[in-house]
């Protein structure tokens, strides 16, 4: 399985960058591709079920996906620039920009969520 080779992350341990799964290896030749991992800021613990919403800058079309058990997500999208927002209940949402280009996957590097202060 592709996840078995991936190092588990835990407190004080930085996760290794992830590579696209085999099914998405060649997708960037025909359409854009976005991927990343969403982790808790302080512990680097993977966050399952975080919502990743990508809004295309030119068309305003919106694409979304939830993170898997390992905090990772993959999202095929049309080529272009995206405003990406990552959110999860109990955490402060983060937003950044990602460019999906031909033959160049966009790896979301800002997927670190900080716990929200108690109400």
N, C-alpha and C. Protein backbone atom coordinates (compact mmCIF):
# COMPACT_ATOMS: atom_id res chain seq x y z
N UNK A 1 0.85 -1.19 0.00
CA UNK A 1 0.00 0.00 0.00
C UNK A 1 0.88 1.24 0.00
N UNK A 2 0.46 2.34 -0.68
CA UNK A 2 1.31 3.52 -0.77
C UNK A 2 1.54 4.17 0.60
N UNK A 3 0.60 3.98 1.55
CA UNK A 3 0.74 4.61 2.86
C UNK A 3 1.74 3.88 3.75
N UNK A 4 2.02 2.60 3.49
CA UNK A 4 2.89 1.84 4.37
C UNK A 4 4.32 2.37 4.37
N UNK A 5 4.75 2.95 3.28
CA UNK A 5 6.12 3.47 3.20
C UNK A 5 6.21 4.85 3.85
N UNK A 6 5.08 5.48 4.10
CA UNK A 6 5.07 6.82 4.66
C UNK A 6 5.35 6.75 6.16
N UNK A 7 6.22 7.60 6.61
CA UNK A 7 6.58 7.62 8.02
C UNK A 7 5.43 8.20 8.83
N UNK A 8 5.12 7.59 9.95
CA UNK A 8 4.08 8.11 10.83
C UNK A 8 4.60 9.39 11.48
N UNK A 9 3.69 10.34 11.68
CA UNK A 9 4.11 11.56 12.34
C UNK A 9 3.61 11.54 13.78
N UNK A 10 4.33 12.18 14.64
CA UNK A 10 3.95 12.26 16.04
C UNK A 10 4.51 13.52 16.62
N UNK A 11 4.33 13.72 17.91
CA UNK A 11 4.83 14.94 18.53
C UNK A 11 6.32 15.14 18.25
N UNK A 12 6.68 16.34 17.81
CA UNK A 12 8.07 16.67 17.56
C UNK A 12 8.65 16.06 16.30
N UNK A 13 7.86 15.36 15.52
CA UNK A 13 8.38 14.70 14.32
C UNK A 13 7.75 15.35 13.08
N UNK A 14 8.59 15.90 12.22
CA UNK A 14 8.07 16.53 11.00
C UNK A 14 7.73 15.45 9.99
N UNK A 15 6.52 15.52 9.42
CA UNK A 15 6.18 14.52 8.39
C UNK A 15 6.97 14.77 7.12
N UNK A 16 7.24 13.70 6.41
CA UNK A 16 7.94 13.84 5.12
C UNK A 16 6.95 14.34 4.09
N UNK A 17 7.44 15.08 3.07
CA UNK A 17 6.54 15.48 1.99
C UNK A 17 5.95 14.25 1.32
N UNK A 18 4.70 14.36 0.92
CA UNK A 18 4.06 13.22 0.28
C UNK A 18 4.07 13.39 -1.23
N UNK A 19 4.05 12.29 -1.94
CA UNK A 19 4.03 12.31 -3.40
C UNK A 19 2.65 11.89 -3.86
N UNK A 20 2.25 12.28 -5.07
CA UNK A 20 0.95 11.87 -5.57
C UNK A 20 0.83 10.35 -5.63
N UNK A 21 -0.36 9.85 -5.39
CA UNK A 21 -0.57 8.41 -5.52
C UNK A 21 -0.43 8.05 -7.00
N UNK A 22 -0.24 6.77 -7.25
CA UNK A 22 -0.01 6.30 -8.61
C UNK A 22 -1.10 6.75 -9.58
N UNK A 23 -2.36 6.72 -9.13
CA UNK A 23 -3.45 7.06 -10.03
C UNK A 23 -3.39 8.52 -10.50
N UNK A 24 -2.70 9.38 -9.75
CA UNK A 24 -2.60 10.78 -10.13
C UNK A 24 -1.25 11.15 -10.73
N UNK A 25 -0.34 10.18 -10.90
CA UNK A 25 1.01 10.46 -11.38
C UNK A 25 1.03 11.28 -12.67
N UNK A 26 0.19 10.93 -13.64
CA UNK A 26 0.23 11.59 -14.95
C UNK A 26 -0.91 12.58 -15.16
N UNK A 27 -1.67 12.85 -14.14
CA UNK A 27 -2.86 13.69 -14.31
C UNK A 27 -2.50 15.13 -14.68
N UNK A 28 -1.31 15.60 -14.26
CA UNK A 28 -0.97 17.00 -14.51
C UNK A 28 -0.73 17.30 -15.98
N UNK A 29 -0.68 16.27 -16.83
CA UNK A 29 -0.54 16.52 -18.27
C UNK A 29 -1.86 16.96 -18.88
N UNK A 30 -2.97 16.56 -18.26
CA UNK A 30 -4.28 16.89 -18.84
C UNK A 30 -5.11 17.84 -17.98
N UNK A 31 -4.79 17.94 -16.69
CA UNK A 31 -5.51 18.87 -15.83
C UNK A 31 -4.67 19.17 -14.60
N UNK A 32 -5.10 20.15 -13.84
CA UNK A 32 -4.37 20.53 -12.64
C UNK A 32 -4.54 19.51 -11.53
N UNK A 33 -3.64 19.58 -10.56
CA UNK A 33 -3.64 18.62 -9.47
C UNK A 33 -3.12 19.33 -8.22
N UNK A 34 -3.86 19.18 -7.14
CA UNK A 34 -3.51 19.81 -5.88
C UNK A 34 -3.42 18.71 -4.81
N UNK A 35 -2.45 18.78 -3.95
CA UNK A 35 -2.31 17.77 -2.89
C UNK A 35 -1.62 18.39 -1.69
N UNK A 36 -1.76 17.73 -0.55
CA UNK A 36 -1.09 18.20 0.65
C UNK A 36 -1.54 17.39 1.85
N UNK A 37 -1.01 17.77 3.00
CA UNK A 37 -1.40 17.15 4.26
C UNK A 37 -1.81 18.25 5.22
N UNK A 38 -2.85 17.98 6.01
CA UNK A 38 -3.32 18.93 7.00
C UNK A 38 -2.97 18.37 8.36
N UNK A 39 -2.19 19.15 9.12
CA UNK A 39 -1.67 18.70 10.40
C UNK A 39 -1.96 19.73 11.48
N UNK A 40 -2.01 19.26 12.73
CA UNK A 40 -2.14 20.18 13.85
C UNK A 40 -0.83 20.94 13.98
N UNK A 41 -0.92 22.24 14.18
CA UNK A 41 0.26 23.11 14.18
C UNK A 41 1.29 22.70 15.24
N UNK A 42 0.86 22.46 16.47
CA UNK A 42 1.80 22.22 17.56
C UNK A 42 2.33 20.80 17.62
N UNK A 43 1.51 19.82 17.23
CA UNK A 43 1.90 18.41 17.42
C UNK A 43 2.25 17.69 16.11
N UNK A 44 1.95 18.30 14.98
CA UNK A 44 2.11 17.68 13.66
C UNK A 44 1.23 16.44 13.51
N UNK A 45 0.19 16.33 14.33
CA UNK A 45 -0.74 15.20 14.24
C UNK A 45 -1.61 15.38 13.00
N UNK A 46 -1.77 14.33 12.17
CA UNK A 46 -2.63 14.44 10.99
C UNK A 46 -4.08 14.71 11.40
N UNK A 47 -4.76 15.59 10.65
CA UNK A 47 -6.14 15.92 10.96
C UNK A 47 -7.07 15.33 9.90
N UNK A 48 -7.84 14.35 10.31
CA UNK A 48 -8.81 13.68 9.43
C UNK A 48 -10.07 14.55 9.32
N UNK A 49 -10.63 14.60 8.12
CA UNK A 49 -11.91 15.28 7.92
C UNK A 49 -11.84 16.78 7.77
N UNK A 50 -10.64 17.34 7.67
CA UNK A 50 -10.52 18.78 7.42
C UNK A 50 -11.05 19.07 6.01
N UNK A 51 -11.78 20.17 5.86
CA UNK A 51 -12.35 20.53 4.56
C UNK A 51 -11.38 21.44 3.82
N UNK A 52 -11.01 21.03 2.61
CA UNK A 52 -10.13 21.82 1.74
C UNK A 52 -10.99 22.35 0.60
N UNK A 53 -11.13 23.68 0.53
CA UNK A 53 -11.95 24.31 -0.50
C UNK A 53 -11.05 25.16 -1.39
N UNK A 54 -11.05 24.86 -2.69
CA UNK A 54 -10.23 25.59 -3.66
C UNK A 54 -11.15 26.36 -4.61
N UNK A 55 -11.00 27.70 -4.62
CA UNK A 55 -11.81 28.54 -5.51
C UNK A 55 -10.92 29.08 -6.62
N UNK A 56 -11.28 28.74 -7.89
CA UNK A 56 -10.52 29.17 -9.06
C UNK A 56 -10.61 30.69 -9.17
N UNK A 57 -9.46 31.37 -9.27
CA UNK A 57 -9.41 32.83 -9.27
C UNK A 57 -10.17 33.44 -10.45
N UNK A 58 -10.04 32.84 -11.63
CA UNK A 58 -10.67 33.42 -12.83
C UNK A 58 -12.15 33.08 -12.96
N UNK A 59 -12.50 31.82 -12.76
CA UNK A 59 -13.88 31.39 -13.00
C UNK A 59 -14.76 31.41 -11.75
N UNK A 60 -14.14 31.49 -10.57
CA UNK A 60 -14.84 31.43 -9.27
C UNK A 60 -15.43 30.06 -8.98
N UNK A 61 -15.16 29.07 -9.85
CA UNK A 61 -15.64 27.70 -9.59
C UNK A 61 -14.97 27.20 -8.31
N UNK A 62 -15.72 26.40 -7.56
CA UNK A 62 -15.21 25.91 -6.29
C UNK A 62 -15.11 24.38 -6.31
N UNK A 63 -14.02 23.86 -5.76
CA UNK A 63 -13.77 22.42 -5.68
C UNK A 63 -13.42 22.11 -4.24
N UNK A 64 -13.87 20.97 -3.73
CA UNK A 64 -13.56 20.67 -2.34
C UNK A 64 -13.35 19.19 -2.11
N UNK A 65 -12.64 18.89 -1.03
CA UNK A 65 -12.35 17.52 -0.65
C UNK A 65 -12.08 17.52 0.86
N UNK A 66 -12.35 16.39 1.51
CA UNK A 66 -12.01 16.23 2.93
C UNK A 66 -10.73 15.41 3.03
N UNK A 67 -9.95 15.68 4.07
CA UNK A 67 -8.72 14.93 4.28
C UNK A 67 -9.03 13.50 4.75
N UNK A 68 -8.13 12.58 4.39
CA UNK A 68 -8.26 11.17 4.77
C UNK A 68 -7.79 10.97 6.22
N UNK A 69 -7.79 9.72 6.65
CA UNK A 69 -7.33 9.38 8.01
C UNK A 69 -5.92 9.88 8.29
N UNK A 70 -5.06 9.86 7.26
CA UNK A 70 -3.67 10.29 7.44
C UNK A 70 -3.48 11.79 7.25
N UNK A 71 -4.59 12.55 7.13
CA UNK A 71 -4.52 14.00 6.97
C UNK A 71 -4.23 14.45 5.55
N UNK A 72 -4.03 13.50 4.63
CA UNK A 72 -3.65 13.83 3.25
C UNK A 72 -4.89 14.06 2.38
N UNK A 73 -4.73 14.89 1.35
CA UNK A 73 -5.79 15.06 0.36
C UNK A 73 -5.18 15.19 -1.02
N UNK A 74 -5.97 14.84 -2.01
CA UNK A 74 -5.63 14.99 -3.42
C UNK A 74 -6.86 15.52 -4.12
N UNK A 75 -6.68 16.51 -4.99
CA UNK A 75 -7.82 17.14 -5.63
C UNK A 75 -7.47 17.49 -7.08
N UNK A 76 -8.04 16.75 -8.05
CA UNK A 76 -7.84 17.14 -9.44
C UNK A 76 -8.69 18.38 -9.73
N UNK A 77 -8.10 19.38 -10.36
CA UNK A 77 -8.77 20.65 -10.65
C UNK A 77 -8.34 21.13 -12.03
N UNK A 78 -9.13 22.03 -12.66
CA UNK A 78 -8.65 22.64 -13.91
C UNK A 78 -7.39 23.47 -13.64
N UNK A 79 -6.58 23.69 -14.66
CA UNK A 79 -5.39 24.52 -14.51
C UNK A 79 -5.79 25.91 -14.04
N UNK A 80 -4.91 26.56 -13.29
CA UNK A 80 -5.16 27.94 -12.89
C UNK A 80 -4.70 28.24 -11.47
N UNK A 81 -5.00 29.46 -11.05
CA UNK A 81 -4.66 29.92 -9.70
C UNK A 81 -5.87 29.73 -8.80
N UNK A 82 -5.61 29.28 -7.58
CA UNK A 82 -6.68 29.00 -6.62
C UNK A 82 -6.42 29.67 -5.29
N UNK A 83 -7.50 30.12 -4.67
CA UNK A 83 -7.48 30.54 -3.27
C UNK A 83 -7.98 29.32 -2.50
N UNK A 84 -7.14 28.79 -1.63
CA UNK A 84 -7.44 27.54 -0.92
C UNK A 84 -7.65 27.84 0.56
N UNK A 85 -8.79 27.39 1.09
CA UNK A 85 -9.10 27.54 2.51
C UNK A 85 -9.22 26.15 3.13
N UNK A 86 -8.56 25.97 4.26
CA UNK A 86 -8.61 24.69 4.98
C UNK A 86 -9.26 24.96 6.34
N UNK A 87 -10.30 24.17 6.65
CA UNK A 87 -11.01 24.39 7.91
C UNK A 87 -11.39 23.07 8.57
N UNK A 88 -11.53 23.13 9.88
CA UNK A 88 -11.95 21.98 10.67
C UNK A 88 -12.50 22.53 11.98
N UNK A 89 -13.64 22.02 12.41
CA UNK A 89 -14.27 22.48 13.65
C UNK A 89 -13.27 22.37 14.80
N UNK A 90 -13.17 23.44 15.58
CA UNK A 90 -12.26 23.48 16.71
C UNK A 90 -10.89 24.03 16.38
N UNK A 91 -10.67 24.40 15.12
CA UNK A 91 -9.38 24.93 14.67
C UNK A 91 -9.59 26.25 13.92
N UNK A 92 -8.54 27.06 13.89
CA UNK A 92 -8.57 28.32 13.14
C UNK A 92 -8.28 28.00 11.68
N UNK A 93 -9.17 28.43 10.78
CA UNK A 93 -9.01 28.18 9.34
C UNK A 93 -7.79 28.92 8.80
N UNK A 94 -7.19 28.35 7.76
CA UNK A 94 -6.07 29.00 7.07
C UNK A 94 -6.40 29.12 5.59
N UNK A 95 -5.86 30.16 4.96
CA UNK A 95 -6.09 30.38 3.53
C UNK A 95 -4.77 30.73 2.86
N UNK A 96 -4.59 30.24 1.65
CA UNK A 96 -3.39 30.54 0.89
C UNK A 96 -3.68 30.42 -0.60
N UNK A 97 -2.65 30.60 -1.41
CA UNK A 97 -2.79 30.55 -2.86
C UNK A 97 -2.01 29.36 -3.40
N UNK A 98 -2.59 28.71 -4.41
CA UNK A 98 -1.96 27.55 -5.03
C UNK A 98 -2.14 27.67 -6.55
N UNK A 99 -1.10 27.38 -7.31
CA UNK A 99 -1.16 27.45 -8.77
C UNK A 99 -1.08 26.05 -9.35
N UNK A 100 -2.14 25.62 -10.03
CA UNK A 100 -2.16 24.31 -10.68
C UNK A 100 -1.76 24.52 -12.14
N UNK A 101 -0.54 24.08 -12.49
CA UNK A 101 0.00 24.28 -13.84
C UNK A 101 0.18 22.94 -14.54
N UNK A 102 0.33 23.01 -15.85
CA UNK A 102 0.57 21.80 -16.62
C UNK A 102 1.87 21.14 -16.18
N UNK A 103 1.79 19.82 -15.93
CA UNK A 103 2.93 19.00 -15.52
C UNK A 103 3.62 19.52 -14.26
N UNK A 104 2.89 20.22 -13.42
CA UNK A 104 3.45 20.72 -12.17
C UNK A 104 2.36 20.70 -11.10
N UNK A 105 2.39 19.70 -10.23
CA UNK A 105 1.39 19.60 -9.18
C UNK A 105 1.56 20.74 -8.18
N UNK A 106 0.47 21.16 -7.62
CA UNK A 106 0.48 22.21 -6.60
C UNK A 106 0.39 21.54 -5.25
N UNK A 107 1.47 21.61 -4.48
CA UNK A 107 1.47 21.03 -3.14
C UNK A 107 1.18 22.12 -2.12
N UNK A 108 0.09 21.96 -1.41
CA UNK A 108 -0.34 22.95 -0.43
C UNK A 108 0.58 22.86 0.78
N UNK A 109 1.33 23.92 1.02
CA UNK A 109 2.35 23.94 2.08
C UNK A 109 1.86 24.60 3.37
N UNK A 110 0.62 25.13 3.36
CA UNK A 110 0.16 25.91 4.52
C UNK A 110 -0.91 25.17 5.32
N UNK A 111 -0.95 23.85 5.21
CA UNK A 111 -1.97 23.07 5.90
C UNK A 111 -1.65 22.75 7.34
N UNK A 112 -1.37 23.77 8.14
CA UNK A 112 -1.11 23.57 9.57
C UNK A 112 -2.18 24.35 10.33
N UNK A 113 -3.02 23.63 11.06
CA UNK A 113 -4.12 24.28 11.77
C UNK A 113 -3.83 24.40 13.26
N UNK A 114 -4.15 25.58 13.80
CA UNK A 114 -3.96 25.85 15.21
C UNK A 114 -5.32 25.69 15.90
N UNK A 115 -5.31 25.10 17.09
CA UNK A 115 -6.56 24.93 17.84
C UNK A 115 -7.15 26.31 18.13
N UNK A 116 -8.46 26.41 17.99
CA UNK A 116 -9.16 27.66 18.28
C UNK A 116 -9.23 27.84 19.80
N UNK A 117 -9.16 29.09 20.27
CA UNK A 117 -9.31 29.31 21.71
C UNK A 117 -10.72 28.93 22.16
N UNK A 118 -10.87 28.47 23.39
CA UNK A 118 -12.22 28.10 23.86
C UNK A 118 -13.13 29.33 23.88
N UNK A 119 -14.42 29.10 23.63
CA UNK A 119 -15.40 30.22 23.63
C UNK A 119 -15.63 30.76 25.02
